[in-house]
PDB file of N, CA and C in Angstrom:
ATOM      1  N   MET A   1     -33.846  19.835 -11.524  1.00  0.00           N
ATOM      2  CA  MET A   1     -33.147  19.468 -10.309  1.00  0.00           C
ATOM      3  C   MET A   1     -32.151  18.339 -10.538  1.00  0.00           C
ATOM      4  N   GLU A   2     -31.964  17.940 -11.806  1.00  0.00           N
ATOM      5  CA  GLU A   2     -30.989  16.897 -12.074  1.00  0.00           C
ATOM      6  C   GLU A   2     -29.574  17.360 -11.716  1.00  0.00           C
ATOM      7  N   TRP A   3     -29.307  18.647 -11.949  1.00  0.00           N
ATOM      8  CA  TRP A   3     -27.966  19.157 -11.640  1.00  0.00           C
ATOM      9  C   TRP A   3     -27.693  19.046 -10.144  1.00  0.00           C
ATOM     10  N   TRP A   4     -28.739  19.249  -9.328  1.00  0.00           N
ATOM     11  CA  TRP A   4     -28.559  19.157  -7.879  1.00  0.00           C
ATOM     12  C   TRP A   4     -28.269  17.717  -7.469  1.00  0.00           C
ATOM     13  N   ASP A   5     -28.944  16.772  -8.115  1.00  0.00           N
ATOM     14  CA  ASP A   5     -28.672  15.355  -7.838  1.00  0.00           C
ATOM     15  C   ASP A   5     -27.242  14.993  -8.214  1.00  0.00           C
ATOM     16  N   SER A   6     -26.773  15.530  -9.352  1.00  0.00           N
ATOM     17  CA  SER A   6     -25.408  15.225  -9.763  1.00  0.00           C
ATOM     18  C   SER A   6     -24.393  15.877  -8.822  1.00  0.00           C
ATOM     19  N   VAL A   7     -24.715  17.072  -8.312  1.00  0.00           N
ATOM     20  CA  VAL A   7     -23.834  17.719  -7.342  1.00  0.00           C
ATOM     21  C   VAL A   7     -23.765  16.889  -6.065  1.00  0.00           C
ATOM     22  N   LEU A   8     -24.916  16.429  -5.583  1.00  0.00           N
ATOM     23  CA  LEU A   8     -24.943  15.598  -4.379  1.00  0.00           C
ATOM     24  C   LEU A   8     -24.214  14.277  -4.593  1.00  0.00           C
ATOM     25  N   GLU A   9     -24.395  13.682  -5.763  1.00  0.00           N
ATOM     26  CA  GLU A   9     -23.726  12.418  -6.048  1.00  0.00           C
ATOM     27  C   GLU A   9     -22.210  12.613  -6.100  1.00  0.00           C
ATOM     28  N   THR A  10     -21.765  13.685  -6.755  1.00  0.00           N
ATOM     29  CA  THR A  10     -20.334  13.966  -6.827  1.00  0.00           C
ATOM     30  C   THR A  10     -19.772  14.237  -5.443  1.00  0.00           C
ATOM     31  N   GLY A  11     -20.497  15.006  -4.636  1.00  0.00           N
ATOM     32  CA  GLY A  11     -20.060  15.273  -3.268  1.00  0.00           C
ATOM     33  C   GLY A  11     -19.962  14.006  -2.449  1.00  0.00           C
ATOM     34  N   GLY A  12     -20.942  13.111  -2.627  1.00  0.00           N
ATOM     35  CA  GLY A  12     -20.912  11.844  -1.906  1.00  0.00           C
ATOM     36  C   GLY A  12     -19.735  10.984  -2.321  1.00  0.00           C
ATOM     37  N   GLU A  13     -19.425  10.983  -3.620  1.00  0.00           N
ATOM     38  CA  GLU A  13     -18.279  10.206  -4.095  1.00  0.00           C
ATOM     39  C   GLU A  13     -16.974  10.776  -3.546  1.00  0.00           C
ATOM     40  N   LEU A  14     -16.862  12.095  -3.533  1.00  0.00           N
ATOM     41  CA  LEU A  14     -15.660  12.724  -2.975  1.00  0.00           C
ATOM     42  C   LEU A  14     -15.520  12.410  -1.490  1.00  0.00           C
ATOM     43  N   TRP A  15     -16.642  12.460  -0.778  1.00  0.00           N
ATOM     44  CA  TRP A  15     -16.628  12.169   0.663  1.00  0.00           C
ATOM     45  C   TRP A  15     -16.201  10.723   0.906  1.00  0.00           C
ATOM     46  N   ASP A  16     -16.753   9.802   0.120  1.00  0.00           N
ATOM     47  CA  ASP A  16     -16.398   8.390   0.274  1.00  0.00           C
ATOM     48  C   ASP A  16     -14.920   8.151  -0.010  1.00  0.00           C
ATOM     49  N   SER A  17     -14.404   8.762  -1.075  1.00  0.00           N
ATOM     50  CA  SER A  17     -12.988   8.552  -1.404  1.00  0.00           C
ATOM     51  C   SER A  17     -12.091   9.175  -0.339  1.00  0.00           C
ATOM     52  N   ALA A  18     -12.498  10.301   0.224  1.00  0.00           N
ATOM     53  CA  ALA A  18     -11.706  10.908   1.299  1.00  0.00           C
ATOM     54  C   ALA A  18     -11.699  10.011   2.532  1.00  0.00           C
ATOM     55  N   LEU A  19     -12.840   9.438   2.862  1.00  0.00           N
ATOM     56  CA  LEU A  19     -12.901   8.535   4.011  1.00  0.00           C
ATOM     57  C   LEU A  19     -12.075   7.278   3.784  1.00  0.00           C
ATOM     58  N   GLU A  20     -12.134   6.735   2.556  1.00  0.00           N
ATOM     59  CA  GLU A  20     -11.338   5.546   2.251  1.00  0.00           C
ATOM     60  C   GLU A  20      -9.846   5.839   2.362  1.00  0.00           C
ATOM     61  N   THR A  21      -9.435   6.998   1.847  1.00  0.00           N
ATOM     62  CA  THR A  21      -8.021   7.374   1.918  1.00  0.00           C
ATOM     63  C   THR A  21      -7.601   7.554   3.367  1.00  0.00           C
ATOM     64  N   GLY A  22      -8.411   8.216   4.166  1.00  0.00           N
ATOM     65  CA  GLY A  22      -8.103   8.398   5.582  1.00  0.00           C
ATOM     66  C   GLY A  22      -8.019   7.077   6.309  1.00  0.00           C
ATOM     67  N   GLU A  23      -8.908   6.152   5.956  1.00  0.00           N
ATOM     68  CA  GLU A  23      -8.901   4.837   6.587  1.00  0.00           C
ATOM     69  C   GLU A  23      -7.628   4.068   6.208  1.00  0.00           C
ATOM     70  N   GLU A  24      -7.202   4.190   4.948  1.00  0.00           N
ATOM     71  CA  GLU A  24      -5.971   3.519   4.513  1.00  0.00           C
ATOM     72  C   GLU A  24      -4.761   4.075   5.261  1.00  0.00           C
ATOM     73  N   ILE A  25      -4.711   5.385   5.403  1.00  0.00           N
ATOM     74  CA  ILE A  25      -3.590   6.009   6.115  1.00  0.00           C
ATOM     75  C   ILE A  25      -3.590   5.570   7.574  1.00  0.00           C
ATOM     76  N   PHE A  26      -4.767   5.571   8.195  1.00  0.00           N
ATOM     77  CA  PHE A  26      -4.868   5.158   9.594  1.00  0.00           C
ATOM     78  C   PHE A  26      -4.444   3.706   9.768  1.00  0.00           C
ATOM     79  N   ASN A  27      -4.904   2.833   8.871  1.00  0.00           N
ATOM     80  CA  ASN A  27      -4.553   1.418   8.974  1.00  0.00           C
ATOM     81  C   ASN A  27      -3.050   1.201   8.800  1.00  0.00           C
ATOM     82  N   ALA A  28      -2.439   1.926   7.859  1.00  0.00           N
ATOM     83  CA  ALA A  28      -0.996   1.793   7.662  1.00  0.00           C
ATOM     84  C   ALA A  28      -0.234   2.256   8.897  1.00  0.00           C
ATOM     85  N   LYS A  29      -0.667   3.364   9.485  1.00  0.00           N
ATOM     86  CA  LYS A  29      -0.012   3.878  10.688  1.00  0.00           C
ATOM     87  C   LYS A  29      -0.217   2.920  11.861  1.00  0.00           C
ATOM     88  N   ALA A  30      -1.416   2.359  11.982  1.00  0.00           N
ATOM     89  CA  ALA A  30      -1.690   1.420  13.070  1.00  0.00           C
ATOM     90  C   ALA A  30      -0.839   0.169  12.922  1.00  0.00           C
ATOM     91  N   GLU A  31      -0.700  -0.346  11.691  1.00  0.00           N
ATOM     92  CA  GLU A  31       0.146  -1.517  11.468  1.00  0.00           C
ATOM     93  C   GLU A  31       1.598  -1.226  11.824  1.00  0.00           C
ATOM     94  N   GLN A  32       2.057  -0.038  11.461  1.00  0.00           N
ATOM     95  CA  GLN A  32       3.432   0.349  11.783  1.00  0.00           C
ATOM     96  C   GLN A  32       3.640   0.407  13.294  1.00  0.00           C
ATOM     97  N   GLU A  33       2.687   0.949  14.019  1.00  0.00           N
ATOM     98  CA  GLU A  33       2.818   1.039  15.471  1.00  0.00           C
ATOM     99  C   GLU A  33       2.749  -0.340  16.128  1.00  0.00           C
ATOM    100  N   VAL A  34       1.919  -1.247  15.575  1.00  0.00           N
ATOM    101  CA  VAL A  34       1.843  -2.608  16.114  1.00  0.00           C
ATOM    102  C   VAL A  34       3.166  -3.329  15.904  1.00  0.00           C
ATOM    103  N   LYS A  35       3.751  -3.168  14.706  1.00  0.00           N
ATOM    104  CA  LYS A  35       5.051  -3.792  14.443  1.00  0.00           C
ATOM    105  C   LYS A  35       6.112  -3.245  15.386  1.00  0.00           C
ATOM    106  N   LYS A  36       6.064  -1.941  15.618  1.00  0.00           N
ATOM    107  CA  LYS A  36       7.041  -1.333  16.522  1.00  0.00           C
ATOM    108  C   LYS A  36       6.862  -1.859  17.941  1.00  0.00           C
ATOM    109  N   ALA A  37       5.616  -2.010  18.376  1.00  0.00           N
ATOM    110  CA  ALA A  37       5.352  -2.482  19.735  1.00  0.00           C
ATOM    111  C   ALA A  37       5.737  -3.950  19.911  1.00  0.00           C
ATOM    112  N   GLU A  38       5.566  -4.746  18.864  1.00  0.00           N
ATOM    113  CA  GLU A  38       5.872  -6.167  18.959  1.00  0.00           C
ATOM    114  C   GLU A  38       7.343  -6.487  18.719  1.00  0.00           C
ATOM    115  N   SER A  39       8.108  -5.531  18.204  1.00  0.00           N
ATOM    116  CA  SER A  39       9.507  -5.807  17.890  1.00  0.00           C
ATOM    117  C   SER A  39      10.357  -5.784  19.159  1.00  0.00           C
ATOM    118  N   ASP A  40      11.599  -6.168  18.989  1.00  0.00           N
ATOM    119  CA  ASP A  40      12.550  -6.229  20.097  1.00  0.00           C
ATOM    120  C   ASP A  40      12.897  -4.818  20.568  1.00  0.00           C
ATOM    121  N   PRO A  41      12.783  -4.514  21.855  1.00  0.00           N
ATOM    122  CA  PRO A  41      13.103  -3.167  22.344  1.00  0.00           C
ATOM    123  C   PRO A  41      14.558  -2.763  22.078  1.00  0.00           C
ATOM    124  N   ASP A  42      15.460  -3.726  22.131  1.00  0.00           N
ATOM    125  CA  ASP A  42      16.863  -3.400  21.861  1.00  0.00           C
ATOM    126  C   ASP A  42      17.047  -2.944  20.415  1.00  0.00           C
ATOM    127  N   GLU A  43      16.287  -3.528  19.527  1.00  0.00           N
ATOM    128  CA  GLU A  43      16.360  -3.128  18.120  1.00  0.00           C
ATOM    129  C   GLU A  43      15.857  -1.687  17.961  1.00  0.00           C
ATOM    130  N   GLN A  44      14.832  -1.327  18.720  1.00  0.00           N
ATOM    131  CA  GLN A  44      14.306   0.034  18.655  1.00  0.00           C
ATOM    132  C   GLN A  44      15.285   1.042  19.244  1.00  0.00           C
ATOM    133  N   ARG A  45      16.015   0.640  20.276  1.00  0.00           N
ATOM    134  CA  ARG A  45      16.949   1.554  20.946  1.00  0.00           C
ATOM    135  C   ARG A  45      18.271   1.683  20.200  1.00  0.00           C
ATOM    136  N   LYS A  46      18.499   0.827  19.225  1.00  0.00           N
ATOM    137  CA  LYS A  46      19.797   0.773  18.554  1.00  0.00           C
ATOM    138  C   LYS A  46      20.169   2.111  17.905  1.00  0.00           C
ATOM    139  N   ASN A  47      19.203   2.812  17.357  1.00  0.00           N
ATOM    140  CA  ASN A  47      19.483   4.035  16.607  1.00  0.00           C
ATOM    141  C   ASN A  47      19.275   5.301  17.432  1.00  0.00           C
ATOM    142  N   ASN A  48      19.201   5.200  18.739  1.00  0.00           N
ATOM    143  CA  ASN A  48      18.945   6.379  19.560  1.00  0.00           C
ATOM    144  C   ASN A  48      20.117   7.351  19.580  1.00  0.00           C
ATOM    145  N   ASN A  49      21.313   6.904  19.278  1.00  0.00           N
ATOM    146  CA  ASN A  49      22.476   7.777  19.342  1.00  0.00           C
ATOM    147  C   ASN A  49      22.914   8.257  17.968  1.00  0.00           C
ATOM    148  N   ASP A  50      21.980   8.402  17.066  1.00  0.00           N
ATOM    149  CA  ASP A  50      22.321   8.847  15.719  1.00  0.00           C
ATOM    150  C   ASP A  50      22.882  10.261  15.697  1.00  0.00           C
ATOM    151  N   TYR A  51      22.564  11.056  16.689  1.00  0.00           N
ATOM    152  CA  TYR A  51      22.937  12.467  16.658  1.00  0.00           C
ATOM    153  C   TYR A  51      24.143  12.759  17.537  1.00  0.00           C
ATOM    154  N   GLN A  52      24.957  11.751  17.790  1.00  0.00           N
ATOM    155  CA  GLN A  52      26.192  11.947  18.545  1.00  0.00           C
ATOM    156  C   GLN A  52      27.371  11.493  17.709  1.00  0.00           C
ATOM    157  N   GLN A  53      28.463  12.202  17.886  1.00  0.00           N
ATOM    158  CA  GLN A  53      29.700  11.770  17.241  1.00  0.00           C
ATOM    159  C   GLN A  53      30.250  10.579  18.021  1.00  0.00           C
ATOM    160  N   PRO A  54      31.187   9.826  17.433  1.00  0.00           N
ATOM    161  CA  PRO A  54      31.714   8.648  18.134  1.00  0.00           C
ATOM    162  C   PRO A  54      32.324   8.962  19.499  1.00  0.00           C
ATOM    163  N   ASN A  55      32.820  10.186  19.701  1.00  0.00           N
ATOM    164  CA  ASN A  55      33.405  10.518  21.003  1.00  0.00           C
ATOM    165  C   ASN A  55      32.352  10.994  22.004  1.00  0.00           C
ATOM    166  N   GLY A  56      31.080  11.007  21.630  1.00  0.00           N
ATOM    167  CA  GLY A  56      30.016  11.387  22.544  1.00  0.00           C
ATOM    168  C   GLY A  56      29.585  12.838  22.430  1.00  0.00           C
ATOM    169  N   GLU A  57      30.339  13.656  21.678  1.00  0.00           N
ATOM    170  CA  GLU A  57      29.968  15.059  21.496  1.00  0.00           C
ATOM    171  C   GLU A  57      28.701  15.143  20.627  1.00  0.00           C
ATOM    172  N   PRO A  58      27.839  16.109  20.916  1.00  0.00           N
ATOM    173  CA  PRO A  58      26.654  16.256  20.071  1.00  0.00           C
ATOM    174  C   PRO A  58      27.047  16.779  18.688  1.00  0.00           C
ATOM    175  N   VAL A  59      26.307  16.378  17.687  1.00  0.00           N
ATOM    176  CA  VAL A  59      26.552  16.838  16.325  1.00  0.00           C
ATOM    177  C   VAL A  59      25.996  18.249  16.202  1.00  0.00           C
ATOM    178  N   THR A  60      26.828  19.181  15.742  1.00  0.00           N
ATOM    179  CA  THR A  60      26.358  20.552  15.550  1.00  0.00           C
ATOM    180  C   THR A  60      25.703  20.660  14.189  1.00  0.00           C
ATOM    181  N   GLN A  61      24.729  21.533  14.105  1.00  0.00           N
ATOM    182  CA  GLN A  61      23.980  21.684  12.869  1.00  0.00           C
ATOM    183  C   GLN A  61      24.809  22.489  11.878  1.00  0.00           C
ATOM    184  N   ILE A  62      25.035  21.922  10.706  1.00  0.00           N
ATOM    185  CA  ILE A  62      25.846  22.578   9.680  1.00  0.00           C
ATOM    186  C   ILE A  62      24.979  23.472   8.814  1.00  0.00           C
ATOM    187  N   VAL A  63      23.782  23.027   8.492  1.00  0.00           N
ATOM    188  CA  VAL A  63      22.886  23.788   7.645  1.00  0.00           C
ATOM    189  C   VAL A  63      22.310  24.939   8.466  1.00  0.00           C
ATOM    190  N   PRO A  64      22.424  26.180   7.968  1.00  0.00           N
ATOM    191  CA  PRO A  64      21.866  27.295   8.750  1.00  0.00           C
ATOM    192  C   PRO A  64      20.344  27.198   8.812  1.00  0.00           C
ATOM    193  N   THR A  65      19.802  27.601   9.929  1.00  0.00           N
ATOM    194  CA  THR A  65      18.353  27.543  10.084  1.00  0.00           C
ATOM    195  C   THR A  65      17.716  28.730   9.381  1.00  0.00           C
ATOM    196  N   LEU A  66      16.471  28.579   9.020  1.00  0.00           N
ATOM    197  CA  LEU A  66      15.742  29.658   8.377  1.00  0.00           C
ATOM    198  C   LEU A  66      15.404  30.721   9.415  1.00  0.00           C
ATOM    199  N   PRO A  67      15.359  31.979   9.006  1.00  0.00           N
ATOM    200  CA  PRO A  67      14.977  33.019   9.964  1.00  0.00           C
ATOM    201  C   PRO A  67      13.518  32.862  10.363  1.00  0.00           C
ATOM    202  N   ASP A  68      13.183  33.465  11.473  1.00  0.00           N
ATOM    203  CA  ASP A  68      11.802  33.435  11.931  1.00  0.00           C
ATOM    204  C   ASP A  68      10.926  34.118  10.878  1.00  0.00           C
ATOM    205  N   MET A  69       9.860  33.470  10.481  1.00  0.00           N
ATOM    206  CA  MET A  69       9.022  33.992   9.398  1.00  0.00           C
ATOM    207  C   MET A  69       8.395  35.336   9.743  1.00  0.00           C
ATOM    208  N   LYS A  70       8.254  35.626  11.020  1.00  0.00           N
ATOM    209  CA  LYS A  70       7.685  36.917  11.417  1.00  0.00           C
ATOM    210  C   LYS A  70       8.565  38.045  10.891  1.00  0.00           C
ATOM    211  N   TRP A  71       9.888  37.892  11.029  1.00  0.00           N
ATOM    212  CA  TRP A  71      10.796  38.939  10.581  1.00  0.00           C
ATOM    213  C   TRP A  71      10.858  39.015   9.064  1.00  0.00           C
ATOM    214  N   VAL A  72      10.693  37.902   8.405  1.00  0.00           N
ATOM    215  CA  VAL A  72      10.642  37.909   6.940  1.00  0.00           C
ATOM    216  C   VAL A  72       9.420  38.691   6.474  1.00  0.00           C
ATOM    217  N   MET A  73       8.290  38.467   7.124  1.00  0.00           N
ATOM    218  CA  MET A  73       7.075  39.185   6.746  1.00  0.00           C
ATOM    219  C   MET A  73       7.197  40.680   7.034  1.00  0.00           C
ATOM    220  N   TYR A  74       7.847  41.039   8.143  1.00  0.00           N
ATOM    221  CA  TYR A  74       8.098  42.453   8.417  1.00  0.00           C
ATOM    222  C   TYR A  74       8.946  43.066   7.310  1.00  0.00           C
ATOM    223  N   GLY A  75       9.962  42.344   6.869  1.00  0.00           N
ATOM    224  CA  GLY A  75      10.826  42.843   5.800  1.00  0.00           C
ATOM    225  C   GLY A  75      10.071  43.017   4.502  1.00  0.00           C
ATOM    226  N   VAL A  76       9.238  42.046   4.157  1.00  0.00           N
ATOM    227  CA  VAL A  76       8.451  42.146   2.929  1.00  0.00           C
ATOM    228  C   VAL A  76       7.483  43.322   3.028  1.00  0.00           C
ATOM    229  N   GLY A  77       6.857  43.486   4.174  1.00  0.00           N
ATOM    230  CA  GLY A  77       5.943  44.616   4.363  1.00  0.00           C
ATOM    231  C   GLY A  77       6.663  45.945   4.251  1.00  0.00           C
ATOM    232  N   ALA A  78       7.866  46.036   4.825  1.00  0.00           N
ATOM    233  CA  ALA A  78       8.629  47.284   4.740  1.00  0.00           C
ATOM    234  C   ALA A  78       9.004  47.592   3.300  1.00  0.00           C
ATOM    235  N   VAL A  79       9.413  46.585   2.553  1.00  0.00           N
ATOM    236  CA  VAL A  79       9.767  46.797   1.141  1.00  0.00           C
ATOM    237  C   VAL A  79       8.547  47.260   0.365  1.00  0.00           C
ATOM    238  N   LEU A  80       7.398  46.664   0.616  1.00  0.00           N
ATOM    239  CA  LEU A  80       6.179  47.085  -0.078  1.00  0.00           C
ATOM    240  C   LEU A  80       5.812  48.521   0.252  1.00  0.00           C
ATOM    241  N   VAL A  81       5.970  48.921   1.513  1.00  0.00           N
ATOM    242  CA  VAL A  81       5.668  50.304   1.903  1.00  0.00           C
ATOM    243  C   VAL A  81       6.609  51.266   1.192  1.00  0.00           C
ATOM    244  N   VAL A  82       7.896  50.929   1.131  1.00  0.00           N
ATOM    245  CA  VAL A  82       8.862  51.797   0.453  1.00  0.00           C
ATOM    246  C   VAL A  82       8.528  51.901  -1.031  1.00  0.00           C
ATOM    247  N   VAL A  83       8.203  50.794  -1.674  1.00  0.00           N
ATOM    248  CA  VAL A  83       7.843  50.820  -3.097  1.00  0.00           C
ATOM    249  C   VAL A  83       6.595  51.662  -3.303  1.00  0.00           C
ATOM    250  N   LEU A  84       5.614  51.538  -2.436  1.00  0.00           N
ATOM    251  CA  LEU A  84       4.392  52.327  -2.541  1.00  0.00           C
ATOM    252  C   LEU A  84       4.688  53.811  -2.376  1.00  0.00           C
ATOM    253  N   LEU A  85       5.531  54.153  -1.401  1.00  0.00           N
ATOM    254  CA  LEU A  85       5.888  55.558  -1.203  1.00  0.00           C
ATOM    255  C   LEU A  85       6.628  56.117  -2.404  1.00  0.00           C
ATOM    256  N   VAL A  86       7.531  55.334  -3.001  1.00  0.00           N
ATOM    257  CA  VAL A  86       8.263  55.798  -4.189  1.00  0.00           C
ATOM    258  C   VAL A  86       7.298  55.997  -5.346  1.00  0.00           C
ATOM    259  N   MET A  87       6.348  55.089  -5.503  1.00  0.00           N
ATOM    260  CA  MET A  87       5.377  55.238  -6.597  1.00  0.00           C
ATOM    261  C   MET A  87       4.518  56.491  -6.400  1.00  0.00           C
ATOM    262  N   LEU A  88       4.095  56.744  -5.159  1.00  0.00           N
ATOM    263  CA  LEU A  88       3.289  57.927  -4.882  1.00  0.00           C
ATOM    264  C   LEU A  88       4.102  59.214  -5.080  1.00  0.00           C
ATOM    265  N   ALA A  89       5.377  59.174  -4.697  1.00  0.00           N
ATOM    266  CA  ALA A  89       6.218  60.357  -4.834  1.00  0.00           C
ATOM    267  C   ALA A  89       6.498  60.679  -6.290  1.00  0.00           C
ATOM    268  N   THR A  90       6.656  59.661  -7.121  1.00  0.00           N
ATOM    269  CA  THR A  90       6.953  59.924  -8.537  1.00  0.00           C
ATOM    270  C   THR A  90       5.717  60.341  -9.315  1.00  0.00           C
ATOM    271  N   ARG A  91       4.537  60.042  -8.839  1.00  0.00           N
ATOM    272  CA  ARG A  91       3.313  60.470  -9.520  1.00  0.00           C
ATOM    273  C   ARG A  91       3.044  61.958  -9.335  1.00  0.00           C
ATOM    274  N   SER A  92       3.392  62.481  -8.204  1.00  0.00           N
ATOM    275  CA  SER A  92       3.068  63.886  -7.915  1.00  0.00           C
ATOM    276  C   SER A  92       3.961  64.843  -8.644  1.00  0.00           C
TER     277      SER A  92
END
């Protein structure tokens, strides 16, 4: 049963390290939010207009957006069906 003890010990160490990492992330995020809350509101509002051109027009997106993944999966499925049909047709 030594192997079981080592499995439990390893699992406990992994669990502890995961909790420590989560706690570090939470503490960093909490500190960031406290700094944001304690800072000057005008300083926080300064960058709110990053997405407007100087004349007030909204910035249009230059980079094309990715297609909806549902349609990509339909396309991949259709290609696989066609390849399967071609393979079956050439075997006969």
